[in-house]
N, C-alpha and C. Protein backbone atom coordinates (compact mmCIF):
# COMPACT_ATOMS: atom_id res chain seq x y z
N MET A 1 -107.05 -81.97 72.88
CA MET A 1 -108.21 -82.38 73.65
C MET A 1 -109.43 -81.72 73.01
N ASN A 2 -110.41 -82.55 72.66
CA ASN A 2 -111.66 -82.02 72.12
C ASN A 2 -112.54 -81.50 73.24
N THR A 3 -113.33 -80.52 72.93
CA THR A 3 -114.26 -79.94 73.90
C THR A 3 -115.68 -80.20 73.42
N TRP A 4 -116.53 -80.64 74.34
CA TRP A 4 -117.93 -80.95 74.05
C TRP A 4 -118.83 -80.17 74.99
N LYS A 5 -119.89 -79.59 74.47
CA LYS A 5 -120.94 -79.05 75.33
C LYS A 5 -121.70 -80.26 75.87
N ALA A 6 -122.21 -80.16 77.08
CA ALA A 6 -122.87 -81.29 77.73
C ALA A 6 -124.01 -81.84 76.87
N ALA A 7 -124.79 -80.97 76.27
CA ALA A 7 -125.91 -81.42 75.43
C ALA A 7 -125.41 -82.21 74.23
N ASP A 8 -124.31 -81.75 73.60
CA ASP A 8 -123.74 -82.47 72.46
C ASP A 8 -123.14 -83.80 72.91
N ALA A 9 -122.50 -83.80 74.06
CA ALA A 9 -121.94 -85.05 74.59
C ALA A 9 -123.04 -86.07 74.84
N LYS A 10 -124.17 -85.60 75.33
CA LYS A 10 -125.31 -86.49 75.59
C LYS A 10 -125.86 -87.05 74.27
N ARG A 11 -126.04 -86.18 73.28
CA ARG A 11 -126.59 -86.60 72.00
C ARG A 11 -125.65 -87.54 71.24
N HIS A 12 -124.35 -87.30 71.37
CA HIS A 12 -123.35 -88.06 70.61
C HIS A 12 -122.45 -88.87 71.56
N PHE A 13 -123.07 -89.50 72.53
CA PHE A 13 -122.32 -90.21 73.57
C PHE A 13 -121.40 -91.28 72.98
N SER A 14 -121.88 -92.03 72.02
CA SER A 14 -121.07 -93.08 71.40
C SER A 14 -119.82 -92.49 70.74
N LYS A 15 -119.98 -91.38 70.05
CA LYS A 15 -118.85 -90.71 69.41
C LYS A 15 -117.88 -90.16 70.47
N LEU A 16 -118.44 -89.62 71.55
CA LEU A 16 -117.60 -89.13 72.66
C LEU A 16 -116.74 -90.27 73.20
N LEU A 17 -117.35 -91.43 73.41
CA LEU A 17 -116.60 -92.57 73.94
C LEU A 17 -115.52 -93.03 72.97
N SER A 18 -115.86 -93.14 71.70
CA SER A 18 -114.85 -93.59 70.74
C SER A 18 -113.73 -92.55 70.57
N SER A 19 -114.05 -91.28 70.68
CA SER A 19 -113.03 -90.23 70.59
C SER A 19 -112.08 -90.26 71.79
N SER A 20 -112.57 -90.76 72.91
CA SER A 20 -111.73 -90.80 74.12
C SER A 20 -110.55 -91.76 73.97
N HIS A 21 -110.61 -92.68 73.00
CA HIS A 21 -109.48 -93.58 72.76
C HIS A 21 -108.32 -92.85 72.12
N ASP A 22 -108.61 -91.77 71.40
CA ASP A 22 -107.56 -90.99 70.74
C ASP A 22 -106.96 -89.94 71.66
N ALA A 23 -107.82 -89.28 72.45
CA ALA A 23 -107.37 -88.20 73.34
C ALA A 23 -108.45 -87.94 74.38
N PRO A 24 -108.09 -87.37 75.52
CA PRO A 24 -109.11 -87.02 76.52
C PRO A 24 -110.13 -86.04 75.93
N GLN A 25 -111.38 -86.17 76.36
CA GLN A 25 -112.47 -85.34 75.86
C GLN A 25 -113.02 -84.50 77.01
N LEU A 26 -113.00 -83.18 76.86
CA LEU A 26 -113.46 -82.26 77.89
C LEU A 26 -114.94 -81.97 77.69
N VAL A 27 -115.74 -82.09 78.75
CA VAL A 27 -117.17 -81.81 78.68
C VAL A 27 -117.44 -80.52 79.46
N LEU A 28 -118.14 -79.60 78.81
CA LEU A 28 -118.47 -78.30 79.41
C LEU A 28 -119.96 -78.24 79.74
N LEU A 29 -120.29 -77.62 80.83
CA LEU A 29 -121.67 -77.35 81.21
C LEU A 29 -121.76 -75.86 81.48
N ARG A 30 -122.55 -75.16 80.68
CA ARG A 30 -122.66 -73.70 80.74
C ARG A 30 -121.28 -73.05 80.60
N ASP A 31 -120.52 -73.55 79.65
CA ASP A 31 -119.17 -73.06 79.32
C ASP A 31 -118.15 -73.21 80.44
N LYS A 32 -118.42 -74.11 81.40
CA LYS A 32 -117.45 -74.39 82.47
C LYS A 32 -117.08 -75.87 82.41
N PRO A 33 -115.79 -76.18 82.53
CA PRO A 33 -115.37 -77.58 82.50
C PRO A 33 -115.97 -78.36 83.69
N VAL A 34 -116.58 -79.50 83.38
CA VAL A 34 -117.17 -80.32 84.45
C VAL A 34 -116.64 -81.74 84.46
N SER A 35 -116.12 -82.21 83.33
CA SER A 35 -115.68 -83.60 83.28
C SER A 35 -114.69 -83.81 82.14
N VAL A 36 -113.91 -84.86 82.28
CA VAL A 36 -113.02 -85.29 81.21
C VAL A 36 -113.26 -86.77 81.01
N VAL A 37 -113.49 -87.17 79.78
CA VAL A 37 -113.70 -88.58 79.45
C VAL A 37 -112.40 -89.10 78.84
N ILE A 38 -111.86 -90.18 79.45
CA ILE A 38 -110.62 -90.78 78.96
C ILE A 38 -110.87 -92.26 78.69
N SER A 39 -109.99 -92.88 77.95
CA SER A 39 -110.12 -94.31 77.67
C SER A 39 -109.82 -95.11 78.94
N TYR A 40 -110.31 -96.33 78.96
CA TYR A 40 -110.06 -97.18 80.12
C TYR A 40 -108.57 -97.46 80.28
N GLU A 41 -107.86 -97.65 79.17
CA GLU A 41 -106.42 -97.92 79.24
C GLU A 41 -105.67 -96.76 79.90
N GLN A 42 -106.05 -95.53 79.53
CA GLN A 42 -105.40 -94.36 80.13
C GLN A 42 -105.74 -94.28 81.62
N PHE A 43 -106.97 -94.57 81.96
CA PHE A 43 -107.38 -94.57 83.37
C PHE A 43 -106.58 -95.61 84.15
N ALA A 44 -106.46 -96.82 83.61
CA ALA A 44 -105.73 -97.89 84.30
C ALA A 44 -104.27 -97.51 84.51
N ARG A 45 -103.65 -96.87 83.51
CA ARG A 45 -102.26 -96.41 83.66
C ARG A 45 -102.14 -95.38 84.77
N SER A 46 -103.07 -94.44 84.80
CA SER A 46 -102.99 -93.39 85.83
C SER A 46 -103.23 -93.97 87.22
N GLU A 47 -104.11 -94.97 87.33
CA GLU A 47 -104.35 -95.61 88.62
C GLU A 47 -103.12 -96.38 89.08
N ALA A 48 -102.46 -97.04 88.14
CA ALA A 48 -101.24 -97.79 88.48
C ALA A 48 -100.15 -96.83 88.94
N MET A 49 -100.06 -95.67 88.32
CA MET A 49 -99.04 -94.70 88.69
C MET A 49 -99.35 -94.04 90.03
N ARG A 50 -100.61 -93.99 90.40
CA ARG A 50 -100.99 -93.34 91.65
C ARG A 50 -100.34 -94.02 92.85
N GLY A 51 -100.20 -95.34 92.77
CA GLY A 51 -99.63 -96.10 93.88
C GLY A 51 -98.12 -96.02 93.95
N THR A 52 -97.47 -95.58 92.89
CA THR A 52 -96.02 -95.52 92.90
C THR A 52 -95.55 -94.19 93.46
N ARG A 53 -94.41 -94.25 94.06
CA ARG A 53 -93.85 -93.03 94.65
C ARG A 53 -92.83 -92.45 93.69
N SER A 54 -92.73 -91.15 93.71
CA SER A 54 -91.76 -90.49 92.83
C SER A 54 -90.37 -90.55 93.47
N MET A 55 -89.37 -90.31 92.66
CA MET A 55 -87.99 -90.29 93.15
C MET A 55 -87.84 -89.20 94.22
N ASP A 56 -88.54 -88.10 94.04
CA ASP A 56 -88.50 -87.01 95.01
C ASP A 56 -89.01 -87.49 96.38
N ASP A 57 -90.09 -88.28 96.38
CA ASP A 57 -90.62 -88.83 97.64
C ASP A 57 -89.59 -89.73 98.31
N TRP A 58 -88.94 -90.60 97.53
CA TRP A 58 -87.93 -91.51 98.08
C TRP A 58 -86.77 -90.71 98.68
N LEU A 59 -86.30 -89.70 97.95
CA LEU A 59 -85.17 -88.92 98.45
C LEU A 59 -85.53 -88.15 99.73
N ASP A 60 -86.74 -87.60 99.79
CA ASP A 60 -87.18 -86.92 101.01
C ASP A 60 -87.17 -87.88 102.19
N GLU A 61 -87.63 -89.10 101.97
CA GLU A 61 -87.65 -90.09 103.05
C GLU A 61 -86.23 -90.46 103.48
N LEU A 62 -85.33 -90.63 102.51
CA LEU A 62 -83.94 -90.97 102.85
C LEU A 62 -83.25 -89.84 103.60
N VAL A 63 -83.52 -88.59 103.24
CA VAL A 63 -82.95 -87.46 103.96
C VAL A 63 -83.44 -87.46 105.41
N ALA A 64 -84.74 -87.71 105.61
CA ALA A 64 -85.29 -87.73 106.96
C ALA A 64 -84.65 -88.86 107.78
N ILE A 65 -84.46 -90.03 107.19
CA ILE A 65 -83.83 -91.15 107.89
C ILE A 65 -82.39 -90.80 108.24
N SER A 66 -81.67 -90.21 107.28
CA SER A 66 -80.28 -89.84 107.52
C SER A 66 -80.15 -88.83 108.65
N LYS A 67 -81.08 -87.86 108.69
CA LYS A 67 -81.03 -86.85 109.76
C LYS A 67 -81.34 -87.47 111.12
N SER A 68 -82.26 -88.42 111.16
CA SER A 68 -82.64 -89.01 112.45
C SER A 68 -81.61 -90.02 112.94
N GLU A 69 -80.97 -90.76 112.02
CA GLU A 69 -80.04 -91.81 112.43
C GLU A 69 -78.58 -91.38 112.36
N GLY A 70 -78.28 -90.38 111.57
CA GLY A 70 -76.90 -89.97 111.38
C GLY A 70 -76.16 -90.90 110.45
N ASP A 71 -74.88 -90.60 110.22
CA ASP A 71 -74.07 -91.45 109.36
C ASP A 71 -73.62 -92.68 110.13
N PRO A 72 -73.64 -93.84 109.50
CA PRO A 72 -73.20 -95.05 110.20
C PRO A 72 -71.69 -95.05 110.37
N GLU A 73 -71.24 -95.67 111.44
CA GLU A 73 -69.80 -95.83 111.68
C GLU A 73 -69.31 -96.98 110.82
N PRO A 74 -68.14 -96.82 110.21
CA PRO A 74 -67.62 -97.94 109.43
C PRO A 74 -67.25 -99.09 110.36
N PRO A 75 -67.41 -100.32 109.91
CA PRO A 75 -67.09 -101.46 110.77
C PRO A 75 -65.58 -101.56 111.01
N VAL A 76 -65.22 -102.05 112.17
CA VAL A 76 -63.82 -102.27 112.49
C VAL A 76 -63.41 -103.59 111.84
N ARG A 77 -62.34 -103.56 111.09
CA ARG A 77 -61.90 -104.76 110.39
C ARG A 77 -60.46 -105.08 110.79
N SER A 78 -60.33 -105.98 111.71
CA SER A 78 -59.00 -106.34 112.19
C SER A 78 -58.38 -107.46 111.36
N ASP A 79 -59.15 -108.09 110.52
CA ASP A 79 -58.64 -109.22 109.74
C ASP A 79 -58.04 -108.79 108.39
N ARG A 80 -57.95 -107.50 108.15
CA ARG A 80 -57.38 -107.03 106.88
C ARG A 80 -56.04 -106.34 107.12
N ARG A 81 -55.20 -106.48 106.13
CA ARG A 81 -53.90 -105.84 106.18
C ARG A 81 -54.09 -104.34 105.97
N GLU A 82 -53.40 -103.54 106.75
CA GLU A 82 -53.46 -102.09 106.59
C GLU A 82 -52.70 -101.73 105.32
N GLN A 83 -53.37 -101.06 104.41
CA GLN A 83 -52.75 -100.81 103.11
C GLN A 83 -51.82 -99.61 103.08
N PHE A 84 -51.80 -98.80 104.12
CA PHE A 84 -50.99 -97.59 104.09
C PHE A 84 -49.79 -97.66 105.03
N ILE A 85 -49.43 -98.84 105.46
CA ILE A 85 -48.24 -98.96 106.29
C ILE A 85 -47.20 -99.78 105.54
N ASP A 86 -45.98 -99.65 105.99
CA ASP A 86 -44.88 -100.37 105.37
C ASP A 86 -45.04 -101.87 105.66
N GLU A 87 -44.73 -102.72 104.68
CA GLU A 87 -44.86 -104.17 104.84
C GLU A 87 -44.06 -104.67 106.04
N ASN A 88 -42.92 -104.07 106.29
CA ASN A 88 -42.08 -104.52 107.42
C ASN A 88 -42.79 -104.26 108.74
N GLU A 89 -43.55 -103.19 108.84
CA GLU A 89 -44.27 -102.89 110.07
C GLU A 89 -45.36 -103.93 110.30
N TRP A 90 -45.94 -104.43 109.24
CA TRP A 90 -47.07 -105.38 109.37
C TRP A 90 -46.58 -106.73 109.92
N THR A 91 -45.45 -107.16 109.49
CA THR A 91 -44.96 -108.48 109.91
C THR A 91 -44.27 -108.44 111.25
N SER A 92 -43.88 -107.32 111.77
CA SER A 92 -43.18 -107.28 113.05
C SER A 92 -44.10 -107.37 114.21
C-alpha cells in the first residue's frame, strides 16, 4: 500500500487514482491516516461481500434454532420392514 501526504495526493490526484487500480492508496493528513483510495472494482467486490453472511453467522443461527426447537423426532414408518428382526417374525 502506497502512502501519500494529503498535499501530494491533491497535487497528483490523477496518479493517485491510477495507482489505486494496482493497490489501495493511504492518504495521510498531518502524519495521521485519514483515507484510503481503492479502485471501483475493489469497492464493488467489498460491497457485494458485505451483504453475504459468513459460515460462522450461519452456524450461530443454526445452533440457536436447534436449542430453541430441540432435536426432531424421527417419523414413524409402519410401511417398512423391520431390518433387525427375523424374517419368520415378520410374516407371522
